[in-house]
PDB file of all heavy atoms in Angstrom:
ATOM      1  N   ASN A   1       0.815  -1.211   0.000  1.00  0.00           N
ATOM      2  CA  ASN A   1       0.000   0.000   0.000  1.00  0.00           C
ATOM      3  C   ASN A   1       0.848   1.259   0.000  1.00  0.00           C
ATOM      4  O   ASN A   1       0.520   2.239  -0.677  1.00  0.00           O
ATOM      5  CB  ASN A   1      -0.925  -0.002   1.219  1.00  0.00           C
ATOM      6  CG  ASN A   1      -1.962  -1.098   1.146  1.00  0.00           C
ATOM      7  OD1 ASN A   1      -2.399  -1.476   0.066  1.00  0.00           O
ATOM      8  ND2 ASN A   1      -2.337  -1.633   2.289  1.00  0.00           N
ATOM      9  N   ALA A   2       1.924   1.252   0.739  1.00  0.00           N
ATOM     10  CA  ALA A   2       2.766   2.450   0.838  1.00  0.00           C
ATOM     11  C   ALA A   2       3.386   2.788  -0.514  1.00  0.00           C
ATOM     12  O   ALA A   2       3.507   3.963  -0.882  1.00  0.00           O
ATOM     13  CB  ALA A   2       3.844   2.253   1.886  1.00  0.00           C
ATOM     14  N   LYS A   3       3.747   1.768  -1.267  1.00  0.00           N
ATOM     15  CA  LYS A   3       4.369   1.996  -2.578  1.00  0.00           C
ATOM     16  C   LYS A   3       3.344   2.098  -3.688  1.00  0.00           C
ATOM     17  O   LYS A   3       3.702   2.340  -4.839  1.00  0.00           O
ATOM     18  CB  LYS A   3       5.353   0.862  -2.883  1.00  0.00           C
ATOM     19  CG  LYS A   3       6.555   0.816  -1.955  1.00  0.00           C
ATOM     20  CD  LYS A   3       7.502  -0.310  -2.350  1.00  0.00           C
ATOM     21  CE  LYS A   3       8.714  -0.331  -1.439  1.00  0.00           C
ATOM     22  NZ  LYS A   3       9.649  -1.431  -1.788  1.00  0.00           N
ATOM     23  N   LYS A   4       2.056   1.870  -3.353  1.00  0.00           N
ATOM     24  CA  LYS A   4       0.988   1.902  -4.366  1.00  0.00           C
ATOM     25  C   LYS A   4       1.342   0.985  -5.539  1.00  0.00           C
ATOM     26  O   LYS A   4       1.207   1.350  -6.712  1.00  0.00           O
ATOM     27  CB  LYS A   4       0.731   3.339  -4.843  1.00  0.00           C
ATOM     28  CG  LYS A   4       0.333   4.289  -3.715  1.00  0.00           C
ATOM     29  CD  LYS A   4       0.145   5.682  -4.220  1.00  0.00           C
ATOM     30  CE  LYS A   4      -0.248   6.632  -3.100  1.00  0.00           C
ATOM     31  NZ  LYS A   4       0.782   6.768  -2.062  1.00  0.00           N
ATOM     32  N   THR A   5       1.792  -0.172  -5.180  1.00  0.00           N
ATOM     33  CA  THR A   5       2.230  -1.155  -6.165  1.00  0.00           C
ATOM     34  C   THR A   5       1.663  -2.511  -5.794  1.00  0.00           C
ATOM     35  O   THR A   5       1.548  -2.819  -4.601  1.00  0.00           O
ATOM     36  CB  THR A   5       3.764  -1.212  -6.217  1.00  0.00           C
ATOM     37  OG1 THR A   5       4.272   0.085  -6.548  1.00  0.00           O
ATOM     38  CG2 THR A   5       4.245  -2.221  -7.248  1.00  0.00           C
ATOM     39  N   TRP A   6       1.318  -3.271  -6.803  1.00  0.00           N
ATOM     40  CA  TRP A   6       0.898  -4.640  -6.555  1.00  0.00           C
ATOM     41  C   TRP A   6       1.449  -5.532  -7.655  1.00  0.00           C
ATOM     42  O   TRP A   6       1.840  -5.064  -8.718  1.00  0.00           O
ATOM     43  CB  TRP A   6      -0.614  -4.780  -6.402  1.00  0.00           C
ATOM     44  CG  TRP A   6      -1.504  -4.246  -7.481  1.00  0.00           C
ATOM     45  CD1 TRP A   6      -2.226  -4.945  -8.390  1.00  0.00           C
ATOM     46  CD2 TRP A   6      -1.823  -2.865  -7.714  1.00  0.00           C
ATOM     47  NE1 TRP A   6      -2.955  -4.111  -9.173  1.00  0.00           N
ATOM     48  CE2 TRP A   6      -2.738  -2.824  -8.783  1.00  0.00           C
ATOM     49  CE3 TRP A   6      -1.435  -1.658  -7.129  1.00  0.00           C
ATOM     50  CZ2 TRP A   6      -3.268  -1.639  -9.273  1.00  0.00           C
ATOM     51  CZ3 TRP A   6      -1.961  -0.475  -7.624  1.00  0.00           C
ATOM     52  CH2 TRP A   6      -2.864  -0.474  -8.684  1.00  0.00           C
ATOM     53  N   TRP A   7       1.500  -6.816  -7.336  1.00  0.00           N
ATOM     54  CA  TRP A   7       2.170  -7.778  -8.185  1.00  0.00           C
ATOM     55  C   TRP A   7       1.287  -9.003  -8.426  1.00  0.00           C
ATOM     56  O   TRP A   7       0.397  -9.303  -7.620  1.00  0.00           O
ATOM     57  CB  TRP A   7       3.471  -8.250  -7.532  1.00  0.00           C
ATOM     58  CG  TRP A   7       4.451  -7.169  -7.283  1.00  0.00           C
ATOM     59  CD1 TRP A   7       5.445  -6.741  -8.117  1.00  0.00           C
ATOM     60  CD2 TRP A   7       4.562  -6.349  -6.109  1.00  0.00           C
ATOM     61  NE1 TRP A   7       6.152  -5.718  -7.539  1.00  0.00           N
ATOM     62  CE2 TRP A   7       5.629  -5.466  -6.301  1.00  0.00           C
ATOM     63  CE3 TRP A   7       3.849  -6.279  -4.905  1.00  0.00           C
ATOM     64  CZ2 TRP A   7       6.012  -4.522  -5.339  1.00  0.00           C
ATOM     65  CZ3 TRP A   7       4.222  -5.345  -3.954  1.00  0.00           C
ATOM     66  CH2 TRP A   7       5.286  -4.480  -4.174  1.00  0.00           C
ATOM     67  N   LEU A   8       1.589  -9.686  -9.504  1.00  0.00           N
ATOM     68  CA  LEU A   8       0.950 -10.968  -9.783  1.00  0.00           C
ATOM     69  C   LEU A   8       2.061 -11.958 -10.098  1.00  0.00           C
ATOM     70  O   LEU A   8       2.701 -11.839 -11.144  1.00  0.00           O
ATOM     71  CB  LEU A   8      -0.033 -10.860 -10.945  1.00  0.00           C
ATOM     72  CG  LEU A   8      -0.797 -12.139 -11.268  1.00  0.00           C
ATOM     73  CD1 LEU A   8      -1.791 -12.461 -10.146  1.00  0.00           C
ATOM     74  CD2 LEU A   8      -1.515 -12.017 -12.611  1.00  0.00           C
ATOM     75  N   GLN A   9       2.289 -12.879  -9.191  1.00  0.00           N
ATOM     76  CA  GLN A   9       3.252 -13.939  -9.428  1.00  0.00           C
ATOM     77  C   GLN A   9       2.539 -15.087 -10.105  1.00  0.00           C
ATOM     78  O   GLN A   9       1.559 -15.623  -9.564  1.00  0.00           O
ATOM     79  CB  GLN A   9       3.861 -14.408  -8.095  1.00  0.00           C
ATOM     80  CG  GLN A   9       4.844 -15.544  -8.244  1.00  0.00           C
ATOM     81  CD  GLN A   9       6.100 -15.150  -8.998  1.00  0.00           C
ATOM     82  OE1 GLN A   9       6.658 -14.077  -8.778  1.00  0.00           O
ATOM     83  NE2 GLN A   9       6.545 -16.002  -9.904  1.00  0.00           N
ATOM     84  N   MET A  10       3.015 -15.441 -11.285  1.00  0.00           N
ATOM     85  CA  MET A  10       2.367 -16.482 -12.080  1.00  0.00           C
ATOM     86  C   MET A  10       3.314 -17.660 -12.231  1.00  0.00           C
ATOM     87  O   MET A  10       4.388 -17.513 -12.840  1.00  0.00           O
ATOM     88  CB  MET A  10       1.963 -15.924 -13.445  1.00  0.00           C
ATOM     89  CG  MET A  10       1.101 -14.672 -13.366  1.00  0.00           C
ATOM     90  SD  MET A  10       0.507 -14.120 -14.979  1.00  0.00           S
ATOM     91  CE  MET A  10       2.056 -13.613 -15.733  1.00  0.00           C
ATOM     92  N   ASN A  11       2.939 -18.780 -11.688  1.00  0.00           N
ATOM     93  CA  ASN A  11       3.743 -19.990 -11.776  1.00  0.00           C
ATOM     94  C   ASN A  11       3.003 -21.067 -12.566  1.00  0.00           C
ATOM     95  O   ASN A  11       1.799 -20.986 -12.756  1.00  0.00           O
ATOM     96  CB  ASN A  11       4.062 -20.518 -10.371  1.00  0.00           C
ATOM     97  CG  ASN A  11       4.864 -19.544  -9.539  1.00  0.00           C
ATOM     98  OD1 ASN A  11       5.690 -18.788 -10.060  1.00  0.00           O
ATOM     99  ND2 ASN A  11       4.646 -19.551  -8.232  1.00  0.00           N
ATOM    100  N   SER A  12       3.754 -22.053 -12.989  1.00  0.00           N
ATOM    101  CA  SER A  12       3.160 -23.184 -13.731  1.00  0.00           C
ATOM    102  C   SER A  12       2.282 -22.680 -14.868  1.00  0.00           C
ATOM    103  O   SER A  12       1.143 -23.125 -15.043  1.00  0.00           O
ATOM    104  CB  SER A  12       2.343 -24.072 -12.782  1.00  0.00           C
ATOM    105  OG  SER A  12       3.141 -24.559 -11.731  1.00  0.00           O
ATOM    106  N   LEU A  13       2.822 -21.760 -15.636  1.00  0.00           N
ATOM    107  CA  LEU A  13       2.029 -21.151 -16.704  1.00  0.00           C
ATOM    108  C   LEU A  13       1.666 -22.158 -17.779  1.00  0.00           C
ATOM    109  O   LEU A  13       2.429 -23.093 -18.080  1.00  0.00           O
ATOM    110  CB  LEU A  13       2.800 -19.981 -17.313  1.00  0.00           C
ATOM    111  CG  LEU A  13       2.766 -18.704 -16.453  1.00  0.00           C
ATOM    112  CD1 LEU A  13       3.902 -17.764 -16.839  1.00  0.00           C
ATOM    113  CD2 LEU A  13       1.419 -18.013 -16.592  1.00  0.00           C
ATOM    114  N   LYS A  14       0.479 -21.945 -18.337  1.00  0.00           N
ATOM    115  CA  LYS A  14      -0.063 -22.809 -19.375  1.00  0.00           C
ATOM    116  C   LYS A  14      -0.330 -21.985 -20.630  1.00  0.00           C
ATOM    117  O   LYS A  14      -0.553 -20.772 -20.535  1.00  0.00           O
ATOM    118  CB  LYS A  14      -1.376 -23.432 -18.905  1.00  0.00           C
ATOM    119  CG  LYS A  14      -1.278 -24.201 -17.596  1.00  0.00           C
ATOM    120  CD  LYS A  14      -2.660 -24.677 -17.150  1.00  0.00           C
ATOM    121  CE  LYS A  14      -2.592 -25.424 -15.822  1.00  0.00           C
ATOM    122  NZ  LYS A  14      -3.929 -25.883 -15.384  1.00  0.00           N
ATOM    123  N   PRO A  15      -0.350 -22.634 -21.793  1.00  0.00           N
ATOM    124  CA  PRO A  15      -0.660 -21.869 -23.014  1.00  0.00           C
ATOM    125  C   PRO A  15      -1.995 -21.120 -22.918  1.00  0.00           C
ATOM    126  O   PRO A  15      -2.126 -20.021 -23.471  1.00  0.00           O
ATOM    127  CB  PRO A  15      -0.707 -22.953 -24.084  1.00  0.00           C
ATOM    128  CG  PRO A  15       0.246 -23.994 -23.595  1.00  0.00           C
ATOM    129  CD  PRO A  15       0.054 -24.011 -22.102  1.00  0.00           C
ATOM    130  N   GLU A  16      -2.940 -21.665 -22.207  1.00  0.00           N
ATOM    131  CA  GLU A  16      -4.241 -20.998 -22.070  1.00  0.00           C
ATOM    132  C   GLU A  16      -4.184 -19.755 -21.178  1.00  0.00           C
ATOM    133  O   GLU A  16      -5.181 -19.035 -21.061  1.00  0.00           O
ATOM    134  CB  GLU A  16      -5.310 -21.961 -21.557  1.00  0.00           C
ATOM    135  CG  GLU A  16      -4.930 -22.748 -20.325  1.00  0.00           C
ATOM    136  CD  GLU A  16      -4.385 -24.130 -20.658  1.00  0.00           C
ATOM    137  OE1 GLU A  16      -3.584 -24.242 -21.618  1.00  0.00           O
ATOM    138  OE2 GLU A  16      -4.755 -25.091 -19.940  1.00  0.00           O
ATOM    139  N   ASP A  17      -3.052 -19.504 -20.555  1.00  0.00           N
ATOM    140  CA  ASP A  17      -2.873 -18.263 -19.801  1.00  0.00           C
ATOM    141  C   ASP A  17      -2.477 -17.099 -20.710  1.00  0.00           C
ATOM    142  O   ASP A  17      -2.392 -15.958 -20.259  1.00  0.00           O
ATOM    143  CB  ASP A  17      -1.793 -18.434 -18.727  1.00  0.00           C
ATOM    144  CG  ASP A  17      -2.196 -19.411 -17.641  1.00  0.00           C
ATOM    145  OD1 ASP A  17      -3.361 -19.378 -17.208  1.00  0.00           O
ATOM    146  OD2 ASP A  17      -1.330 -20.210 -17.228  1.00  0.00           O
ATOM    147  N   THR A  18      -2.242 -17.394 -21.976  1.00  0.00           N
ATOM    148  CA  THR A  18      -1.868 -16.350 -22.927  1.00  0.00           C
ATOM    149  C   THR A  18      -2.991 -15.327 -23.050  1.00  0.00           C
ATOM    150  O   THR A  18      -4.135 -15.674 -23.322  1.00  0.00           O
ATOM    151  CB  THR A  18      -1.560 -16.960 -24.300  1.00  0.00           C
ATOM    152  OG1 THR A  18      -0.411 -17.804 -24.184  1.00  0.00           O
ATOM    153  CG2 THR A  18      -1.306 -15.875 -25.332  1.00  0.00           C
ATOM    154  N   ALA A  19      -2.651 -14.061 -22.847  1.00  0.00           N
ATOM    155  CA  ALA A  19      -3.645 -12.989 -22.868  1.00  0.00           C
ATOM    156  C   ALA A  19      -2.942 -11.661 -22.637  1.00  0.00           C
ATOM    157  O   ALA A  19      -1.755 -11.621 -22.297  1.00  0.00           O
ATOM    158  CB  ALA A  19      -4.705 -13.206 -21.784  1.00  0.00           C
ATOM    159  N   VAL A  20      -3.701 -10.591 -22.798  1.00  0.00           N
ATOM    160  CA  VAL A  20      -3.250  -9.289 -22.325  1.00  0.00           C
ATOM    161  C   VAL A  20      -3.734  -9.150 -20.882  1.00  0.00           C
ATOM    162  O   VAL A  20      -4.922  -9.342 -20.600  1.00  0.00           O
ATOM    163  CB  VAL A  20      -3.807  -8.148 -23.182  1.00  0.00           C
ATOM    164  CG1 VAL A  20      -3.364  -6.794 -22.619  1.00  0.00           C
ATOM    165  CG2 VAL A  20      -3.336  -8.293 -24.626  1.00  0.00           C
ATOM    166  N   TYR A  21      -2.823  -8.831 -20.002  1.00  0.00           N
ATOM    167  CA  TYR A  21      -3.134  -8.710 -18.583  1.00  0.00           C
ATOM    168  C   TYR A  21      -3.231  -7.231 -18.214  1.00  0.00           C
ATOM    169  O   TYR A  21      -2.337  -6.438 -18.544  1.00  0.00           O
ATOM    170  CB  TYR A  21      -2.066  -9.398 -17.745  1.00  0.00           C
ATOM    171  CG  TYR A  21      -2.192 -10.902 -17.765  1.00  0.00           C
ATOM    172  CD1 TYR A  21      -1.922 -11.626 -18.916  1.00  0.00           C
ATOM    173  CD2 TYR A  21      -2.610 -11.596 -16.633  1.00  0.00           C
ATOM    174  CE1 TYR A  21      -2.067 -13.010 -18.943  1.00  0.00           C
ATOM    175  CE2 TYR A  21      -2.747 -12.980 -16.648  1.00  0.00           C
ATOM    176  CZ  TYR A  21      -2.476 -13.674 -17.813  1.00  0.00           C
ATOM    177  OH  TYR A  21      -2.621 -15.042 -17.831  1.00  0.00           O
ATOM    178  N   TYR A  22      -4.312  -6.887 -17.530  1.00  0.00           N
ATOM    179  CA  TYR A  22      -4.570  -5.523 -17.121  1.00  0.00           C
ATOM    180  C   TYR A  22      -4.633  -5.440 -15.602  1.00  0.00           C
ATOM    181  O   TYR A  22      -5.290  -6.276 -14.962  1.00  0.00           O
ATOM    182  CB  TYR A  22      -5.904  -5.029 -17.667  1.00  0.00           C
ATOM    183  CG  TYR A  22      -6.021  -5.038 -19.169  1.00  0.00           C
ATOM    184  CD1 TYR A  22      -6.479  -6.147 -19.851  1.00  0.00           C
ATOM    185  CD2 TYR A  22      -5.681  -3.894 -19.907  1.00  0.00           C
ATOM    186  CE1 TYR A  22      -6.595  -6.154 -21.233  1.00  0.00           C
ATOM    187  CE2 TYR A  22      -5.793  -3.885 -21.294  1.00  0.00           C
ATOM    188  CZ  TYR A  22      -6.256  -5.023 -21.941  1.00  0.00           C
ATOM    189  OH  TYR A  22      -6.362  -5.014 -23.300  1.00  0.00           O
ATOM    190  N   CYS A  23      -4.004  -4.438 -15.056  1.00  0.00           N
ATOM    191  CA  CYS A  23      -4.211  -4.208 -13.631  1.00  0.00           C
ATOM    192  C   CYS A  23      -5.305  -3.153 -13.482  1.00  0.00           C
ATOM    193  O   CYS A  23      -5.545  -2.343 -14.390  1.00  0.00           O
ATOM    194  CB  CYS A  23      -2.934  -3.769 -12.932  1.00  0.00           C
ATOM    195  SG  CYS A  23      -2.249  -2.184 -13.431  1.00  0.00           S
ATOM    196  N   ASN A  24      -5.976  -3.195 -12.338  1.00  0.00           N
ATOM    197  CA  ASN A  24      -6.959  -2.164 -12.061  1.00  0.00           C
ATOM    198  C   ASN A  24      -6.952  -1.792 -10.596  1.00  0.00           C
ATOM    199  O   ASN A  24      -6.427  -2.517  -9.754  1.00  0.00           O
ATOM    200  CB  ASN A  24      -8.365  -2.562 -12.545  1.00  0.00           C
ATOM    201  CG  ASN A  24      -9.103  -3.476 -11.588  1.00  0.00           C
ATOM    202  OD1 ASN A  24      -8.510  -4.134 -10.735  1.00  0.00           O
ATOM    203  ND2 ASN A  24     -10.421  -3.536 -11.719  1.00  0.00           N
ATOM    204  N   ALA A  25      -7.488  -0.613 -10.337  1.00  0.00           N
ATOM    205  CA  ALA A  25      -7.543  -0.101  -8.972  1.00  0.00           C
ATOM    206  C   ALA A  25      -8.908   0.537  -8.761  1.00  0.00           C
ATOM    207  O   ALA A  25      -9.380   1.284  -9.613  1.00  0.00           O
ATOM    208  CB  ALA A  25      -6.444   0.923  -8.731  1.00  0.00           C
ATOM    209  N   VAL A  26      -9.524   0.219  -7.651  1.00  0.00           N
ATOM    210  CA  VAL A  26     -10.823   0.787  -7.302  1.00  0.00           C
ATOM    211  C   VAL A  26     -10.622   1.771  -6.167  1.00  0.00           C
ATOM    212  O   VAL A  26     -10.136   1.397  -5.092  1.00  0.00           O
ATOM    213  CB  VAL A  26     -11.821  -0.306  -6.891  1.00  0.00           C
ATOM    214  CG1 VAL A  26     -13.159   0.329  -6.508  1.00  0.00           C
ATOM    215  CG2 VAL A  26     -12.004  -1.314  -8.021  1.00  0.00           C
ATOM    216  N   MET A  27     -11.011   3.016  -6.429  1.00  0.00           N
ATOM    217  CA  MET A  27     -10.947   4.059  -5.410  1.00  0.00           C
ATOM    218  C   MET A  27     -12.326   4.693  -5.335  1.00  0.00           C
ATOM    219  O   MET A  27     -12.746   5.357  -6.284  1.00  0.00           O
ATOM    220  CB  MET A  27      -9.879   5.086  -5.764  1.00  0.00           C
ATOM    221  CG  MET A  27      -8.468   4.559  -5.629  1.00  0.00           C
ATOM    222  SD  MET A  27      -7.223   5.804  -6.043  1.00  0.00           S
ATOM    223  CE  MET A  27      -7.260   5.684  -7.819  1.00  0.00           C
ATOM    224  N   GLY A  28     -13.000   4.479  -4.240  1.00  0.00           N
ATOM    225  CA  GLY A  28     -14.362   4.976  -4.126  1.00  0.00           C
ATOM    226  C   GLY A  28     -15.254   4.311  -5.161  1.00  0.00           C
ATOM    227  O   GLY A  28     -15.366   3.088  -5.198  1.00  0.00           O
ATOM    228  N   VAL A  29     -15.849   5.132  -6.022  1.00  0.00           N
ATOM    229  CA  VAL A  29     -16.752   4.596  -7.049  1.00  0.00           C
ATOM    230  C   VAL A  29     -16.067   4.561  -8.419  1.00  0.00           C
ATOM    231  O   VAL A  29     -16.713   4.256  -9.428  1.00  0.00           O
ATOM    232  CB  VAL A  29     -18.041   5.425  -7.133  1.00  0.00           C
ATOM    233  CG1 VAL A  29     -18.810   5.334  -5.813  1.00  0.00           C
ATOM    234  CG2 VAL A  29     -17.737   6.877  -7.478  1.00  0.00           C
ATOM    235  N   THR A  30     -14.782   4.838  -8.458  1.00  0.00           N
ATOM    236  CA  THR A  30     -14.064   4.905  -9.732  1.00  0.00           C
ATOM    237  C   THR A  30     -13.097   3.751  -9.856  1.00  0.00           C
ATOM    238  O   THR A  30     -12.390   3.417  -8.897  1.00  0.00           O
ATOM    239  CB  THR A  30     -13.300   6.229  -9.848  1.00  0.00           C
ATOM    240  OG1 THR A  30     -14.222   7.318  -9.705  1.00  0.00           O
ATOM    241  CG2 THR A  30     -12.624   6.340 -11.205  1.00  0.00           C
ATOM    242  N   THR A  31     -13.074   3.162 -11.039  1.00  0.00           N
ATOM    243  CA  THR A  31     -12.127   2.095 -11.360  1.00  0.00           C
ATOM    244  C   THR A  31     -11.165   2.601 -12.427  1.00  0.00           C
ATOM    245  O   THR A  31     -11.598   3.124 -13.457  1.00  0.00           O
ATOM    246  CB  THR A  31     -12.852   0.845 -11.859  1.00  0.00           C
ATOM    247  OG1 THR A  31     -13.737   0.373 -10.838  1.00  0.00           O
ATOM    248  CG2 THR A  31     -11.849  -0.252 -12.184  1.00  0.00           C
ATOM    249  N   TRP A  32      -9.898   2.430 -12.152  1.00  0.00           N
ATOM    250  CA  TRP A  32      -8.856   2.827 -13.095  1.00  0.00           C
ATOM    251  C   TRP A  32      -8.206   1.579 -13.679  1.00  0.00           C
ATOM    252  O   TRP A  32      -8.067   0.557 -12.982  1.00  0.00           O
ATOM    253  CB  TRP A  32      -7.794   3.677 -12.384  1.00  0.00           C
ATOM    254  CG  TRP A  32      -8.360   4.916 -11.765  1.00  0.00           C
ATOM    255  CD1 TRP A  32      -8.851   5.074 -10.507  1.00  0.00           C
ATOM    256  CD2 TRP A  32      -8.511   6.198 -12.397  1.00  0.00           C
ATOM    257  NE1 TRP A  32      -9.299   6.343 -10.302  1.00  0.00           N
ATOM    258  CE2 TRP A  32      -9.100   7.065 -11.443  1.00  0.00           C
ATOM    259  CE3 TRP A  32      -8.212   6.696 -13.661  1.00  0.00           C
ATOM    260  CZ2 TRP A  32      -9.386   8.399 -11.718  1.00  0.00           C
ATOM    261  CZ3 TRP A  32      -8.491   8.021 -13.932  1.00  0.00           C
ATOM    262  CH2 TRP A  32      -9.069   8.863 -12.969  1.00  0.00           C
ATOM    263  N   TRP A  33      -7.768   1.670 -14.941  1.00  0.00           N
ATOM    264  CA  TRP A  33      -7.172   0.534 -15.615  1.00  0.00           C
ATOM    265  C   TRP A  33      -5.805   0.903 -16.175  1.00  0.00           C
ATOM    266  O   TRP A  33      -5.587   2.037 -16.624  1.00  0.00           O
ATOM    267  CB  TRP A  33      -8.064   0.073 -16.777  1.00  0.00           C
ATOM    268  CG  TRP A  33      -9.350  -0.532 -16.341  1.00  0.00           C
ATOM    269  CD1 TRP A  33     -10.531   0.107 -16.130  1.00  0.00           C
ATOM    270  CD2 TRP A  33      -9.596  -1.920 -16.067  1.00  0.00           C
ATOM    271  NE1 TRP A  33     -11.490  -0.794 -15.731  1.00  0.00           N
ATOM    272  CE2 TRP A  33     -10.947  -2.043 -15.691  1.00  0.00           C
ATOM    273  CE3 TRP A  33      -8.808  -3.067 -16.102  1.00  0.00           C
ATOM    274  CZ2 TRP A  33     -11.526  -3.267 -15.349  1.00  0.00           C
ATOM    275  CZ3 TRP A  33      -9.385  -4.279 -15.758  1.00  0.00           C
ATOM    276  CH2 TRP A  33     -10.727  -4.365 -15.394  1.00  0.00           C
ATOM    277  N   GLY A  34      -4.933  -0.078 -16.189  1.00  0.00           N
ATOM    278  CA  GLY A  34      -3.665   0.091 -16.873  1.00  0.00           C
ATOM    279  C   GLY A  34      -3.836  -0.170 -18.359  1.00  0.00           C
ATOM    280  O   GLY A  34      -4.920  -0.532 -18.830  1.00  0.00           O
ATOM    281  N   GLN A  35      -2.745  -0.011 -19.090  1.00  0.00           N
ATOM    282  CA  GLN A  35      -2.798  -0.142 -20.546  1.00  0.00           C
ATOM    283  C   GLN A  35      -2.690  -1.592 -21.001  1.00  0.00           C
ATOM    284  O   GLN A  35      -2.962  -1.901 -22.162  1.00  0.00           O
ATOM    285  CB  GLN A  35      -1.684   0.693 -21.193  1.00  0.00           C
ATOM    286  CG  GLN A  35      -0.310   0.039 -21.199  1.00  0.00           C
ATOM    287  CD  GLN A  35       0.378   0.033 -19.853  1.00  0.00           C
ATOM    288  OE1 GLN A  35      -0.112   0.606 -18.876  1.00  0.00           O
ATOM    289  NE2 GLN A  35       1.524  -0.635 -19.778  1.00  0.00           N
ATOM    290  N   GLY A  36      -2.289  -2.464 -20.106  1.00  0.00           N
ATOM    291  CA  GLY A  36      -2.187  -3.876 -20.443  1.00  0.00           C
ATOM    292  C   GLY A  36      -0.777  -4.290 -20.792  1.00  0.00           C
ATOM    293  O   GLY A  36      -0.001  -3.507 -21.347  1.00  0.00           O
ATOM    294  N   THR A  37      -0.466  -5.539 -20.483  1.00  0.00           N
ATOM    295  CA  THR A  37       0.825  -6.112 -20.846  1.00  0.00           C
ATOM    296  C   THR A  37       0.586  -7.526 -21.376  1.00  0.00           C
ATOM    297  O   THR A  37      -0.207  -8.283 -20.822  1.00  0.00           O
ATOM    298  CB  THR A  37       1.793  -6.116 -19.639  1.00  0.00           C
ATOM    299  OG1 THR A  37       3.083  -6.576 -20.063  1.00  0.00           O
ATOM    300  CG2 THR A  37       1.302  -7.010 -18.513  1.00  0.00           C
ATOM    301  N   GLN A  38       1.264  -7.838 -22.463  1.00  0.00           N
ATOM    302  CA  GLN A  38       1.043  -9.126 -23.129  1.00  0.00           C
ATOM    303  C   GLN A  38       1.818 -10.234 -22.418  1.00  0.00           C
ATOM    304  O   GLN A  38       3.014 -10.092 -22.128  1.00  0.00           O
ATOM    305  CB  GLN A  38       1.480  -9.051 -24.585  1.00  0.00           C
ATOM    306  CG  GLN A  38       1.368 -10.367 -25.345  1.00  0.00           C
ATOM    307  CD  GLN A  38      -0.078 -10.770 -25.607  1.00  0.00           C
ATOM    308  OE1 GLN A  38      -0.900  -9.944 -25.992  1.00  0.00           O
ATOM    309  NE2 GLN A  38      -0.385 -12.045 -25.395  1.00  0.00           N
ATOM    310  N   VAL A  39       1.128 -11.329 -22.162  1.00  0.00           N
ATOM    311  CA  VAL A  39       1.754 -12.550 -21.657  1.00  0.00           C
ATOM    312  C   VAL A  39       1.477 -13.652 -22.671  1.00  0.00           C
ATOM    313  O   VAL A  39       0.319 -13.918 -23.004  1.00  0.00           O
ATOM    314  CB  VAL A  39       1.203 -12.941 -20.276  1.00  0.00           C
ATOM    315  CG1 VAL A  39       1.710 -14.325 -19.866  1.00  0.00           C
ATOM    316  CG2 VAL A  39       1.592 -11.901 -19.232  1.00  0.00           C
ATOM    317  N   THR A  40       2.543 -14.256 -23.165  1.00  0.00           N
ATOM    318  CA  THR A  40       2.407 -15.333 -24.131  1.00  0.00           C
ATOM    319  C   THR A  40       3.114 -16.568 -23.590  1.00  0.00           C
ATOM    320  O   THR A  40       4.295 -16.502 -23.246  1.00  0.00           O
ATOM    321  CB  THR A  40       3.000 -14.937 -25.489  1.00  0.00           C
ATOM    322  OG1 THR A  40       2.350 -13.752 -25.965  1.00  0.00           O
ATOM    323  CG2 THR A  40       2.812 -16.055 -26.499  1.00  0.00           C
TER     324      THR A  40
END
């Protein structure tokens, strides 16, 4: 929380995990989205 950073550790990845991954943050009634990062 102090760094306003969060992580997703992904292990045992499978081909079906291939996608664009987006982070989001909910503050009050507003949801913010990142631009996405490709995981293949």
